[in-house]
């Protein structure tokens, strides 16, 4: 996530490790984050987490890899 109007030192979550050389105002997630953990770590951004959840499910449900229920 990048907060362009902020100037805090970039860091990663949940480790809170500083990220030198990364644009200030940036928050990155440690490898393999999940949406529930992100929501807990940054609850003020529920609108973002809701949009990501909706996009994820829309992409999943439109996948061509889903089994055809008529062939079951």
C-alpha atoms as a PDB file:
ATOM      1  CA  UNK A   1       0.000   0.000   0.000  1.00  0.00           C
ATOM      2  CA  UNK A   2       1.261   3.444  -0.760  1.00  0.00           C
ATOM      3  CA  UNK A   3       0.084   6.550   1.040  1.00  0.00           C
ATOM      4  CA  UNK A   4       1.419   9.259  -1.246  1.00  0.00           C
ATOM      5  CA  UNK A   5       0.518  12.088   1.130  1.00  0.00           C
ATOM      6  CA  UNK A   6       2.465  10.471   3.995  1.00  0.00           C
ATOM      7  CA  UNK A   7       6.196  10.667   4.688  1.00  0.00           C
ATOM      8  CA  UNK A   8       6.737   7.886   7.246  1.00  0.00           C
ATOM      9  CA  UNK A   9       9.603   5.453   6.668  1.00  0.00           C
ATOM     10  CA  UNK A  10       8.466   2.508   4.566  1.00  0.00           C
ATOM     11  CA  UNK A  11       7.981  -0.725   6.499  1.00  0.00           C
ATOM     12  CA  UNK A  12       6.584  -4.221   6.169  1.00  0.00           C
ATOM     13  CA  UNK A  13       3.841  -5.889   8.168  1.00  0.00           C
ATOM     14  CA  UNK A  14       3.515  -7.766  10.417  1.00  0.00           C
ATOM     15  CA  UNK A  15       7.268  -7.727  11.112  1.00  0.00           C
ATOM     16  CA  UNK A  16       7.451  -3.884  11.161  1.00  0.00           C
ATOM     17  CA  UNK A  17      10.844  -4.139   9.437  1.00  0.00           C
ATOM     18  CA  UNK A  18      11.938  -0.833   7.928  1.00  0.00           C
ATOM     19  CA  UNK A  19      12.452  -0.821   4.170  1.00  0.00           C
ATOM     20  CA  UNK A  20      15.319   1.513   3.304  1.00  0.00           C
ATOM     21  CA  UNK A  21      15.307   2.713  -0.264  1.00  0.00           C
ATOM     22  CA  UNK A  22      11.536   2.268  -0.638  1.00  0.00           C
ATOM     23  CA  UNK A  23       9.402   5.349  -1.211  1.00  0.00           C
ATOM     24  CA  UNK A  24       8.263   6.901   2.078  1.00  0.00           C
ATOM     25  CA  UNK A  25       4.617   6.275   2.917  1.00  0.00           C
ATOM     26  CA  UNK A  26       4.771   2.660   1.721  1.00  0.00           C
ATOM     27  CA  UNK A  27       3.530  -0.368   3.642  1.00  0.00           C
ATOM     28  CA  UNK A  28       4.365  -3.809   2.255  1.00  0.00           C
ATOM     29  CA  UNK A  29       3.213  -7.136   3.587  1.00  0.00           C
ATOM     30  CA  UNK A  30       5.585  -9.928   4.488  1.00  0.00           C
ATOM     31  CA  UNK A  31       5.398 -12.979   2.165  1.00  0.00           C
ATOM     32  CA  UNK A  32       2.101 -14.846   1.929  1.00  0.00           C
ATOM     33  CA  UNK A  33      -0.256 -12.367   3.587  1.00  0.00           C
ATOM     34  CA  UNK A  34      -3.927 -13.115   3.718  1.00  0.00           C
ATOM     35  CA  UNK A  35      -6.817 -10.711   3.653  1.00  0.00           C
ATOM     36  CA  UNK A  36      -7.920 -11.465   7.205  1.00  0.00           C
ATOM     37  CA  UNK A  37      -4.446 -10.637   8.551  1.00  0.00           C
ATOM     38  CA  UNK A  38      -4.277  -7.438   6.489  1.00  0.00           C
ATOM     39  CA  UNK A  39      -7.696  -6.412   7.780  1.00  0.00           C
ATOM     40  CA  UNK A  40      -6.554  -6.971  11.382  1.00  0.00           C
ATOM     41  CA  UNK A  41      -3.289  -5.076  10.878  1.00  0.00           C
ATOM     42  CA  UNK A  42      -4.856  -2.057   9.143  1.00  0.00           C
ATOM     43  CA  UNK A  43      -8.528  -1.974  10.183  1.00  0.00           C
ATOM     44  CA  UNK A  44      -9.012   1.666   9.151  1.00  0.00           C
ATOM     45  CA  UNK A  45      -8.877   0.557   5.511  1.00  0.00           C
ATOM     46  CA  UNK A  46     -11.921  -1.706   5.557  1.00  0.00           C
ATOM     47  CA  UNK A  47     -13.140  -0.149   2.298  1.00  0.00           C
ATOM     48  CA  UNK A  48      -9.951  -1.345   0.575  1.00  0.00           C
ATOM     49  CA  UNK A  49     -10.166  -4.833   2.090  1.00  0.00           C
ATOM     50  CA  UNK A  50     -13.830  -5.085   1.059  1.00  0.00           C
ATOM     51  CA  UNK A  51     -12.966  -4.095  -2.526  1.00  0.00           C
ATOM     52  CA  UNK A  52     -10.128  -6.643  -2.645  1.00  0.00           C
ATOM     53  CA  UNK A  53     -12.418  -9.362  -1.299  1.00  0.00           C
ATOM     54  CA  UNK A  54     -15.071  -8.534  -3.891  1.00  0.00           C
ATOM     55  CA  UNK A  55     -12.495  -8.521  -6.729  1.00  0.00           C
ATOM     56  CA  UNK A  56     -11.030 -11.821  -5.544  1.00  0.00           C
ATOM     57  CA  UNK A  57     -14.405 -13.572  -5.457  1.00  0.00           C
ATOM     58  CA  UNK A  58     -15.481 -12.090  -8.788  1.00  0.00           C
ATOM     59  CA  UNK A  59     -12.273 -13.382 -10.408  1.00  0.00           C
ATOM     60  CA  UNK A  60     -12.628 -16.763  -8.743  1.00  0.00           C
ATOM     61  CA  UNK A  61     -16.251 -17.206  -9.759  1.00  0.00           C
ATOM     62  CA  UNK A  62     -15.574 -16.222 -13.349  1.00  0.00           C
ATOM     63  CA  UNK A  63     -12.689 -18.664 -13.666  1.00  0.00           C
ATOM     64  CA  UNK A  64     -12.820 -21.004 -16.618  1.00  0.00           C
ATOM     65  CA  UNK A  65     -11.225 -23.653 -14.404  1.00  0.00           C
ATOM     66  CA  UNK A  66     -14.378 -24.120 -12.316  1.00  0.00           C
ATOM     67  CA  UNK A  67     -16.139 -27.421 -12.899  1.00  0.00           C
ATOM     68  CA  UNK A  68     -19.279 -27.313 -15.000  1.00  0.00           C
ATOM     69  CA  UNK A  69     -22.189 -28.227 -12.673  1.00  0.00           C
ATOM     70  CA  UNK A  70     -24.024 -29.739 -15.649  1.00  0.00           C
ATOM     71  CA  UNK A  71     -21.235 -32.292 -16.082  1.00  0.00           C
ATOM     72  CA  UNK A  72     -21.173 -33.413 -12.447  1.00  0.00           C
END
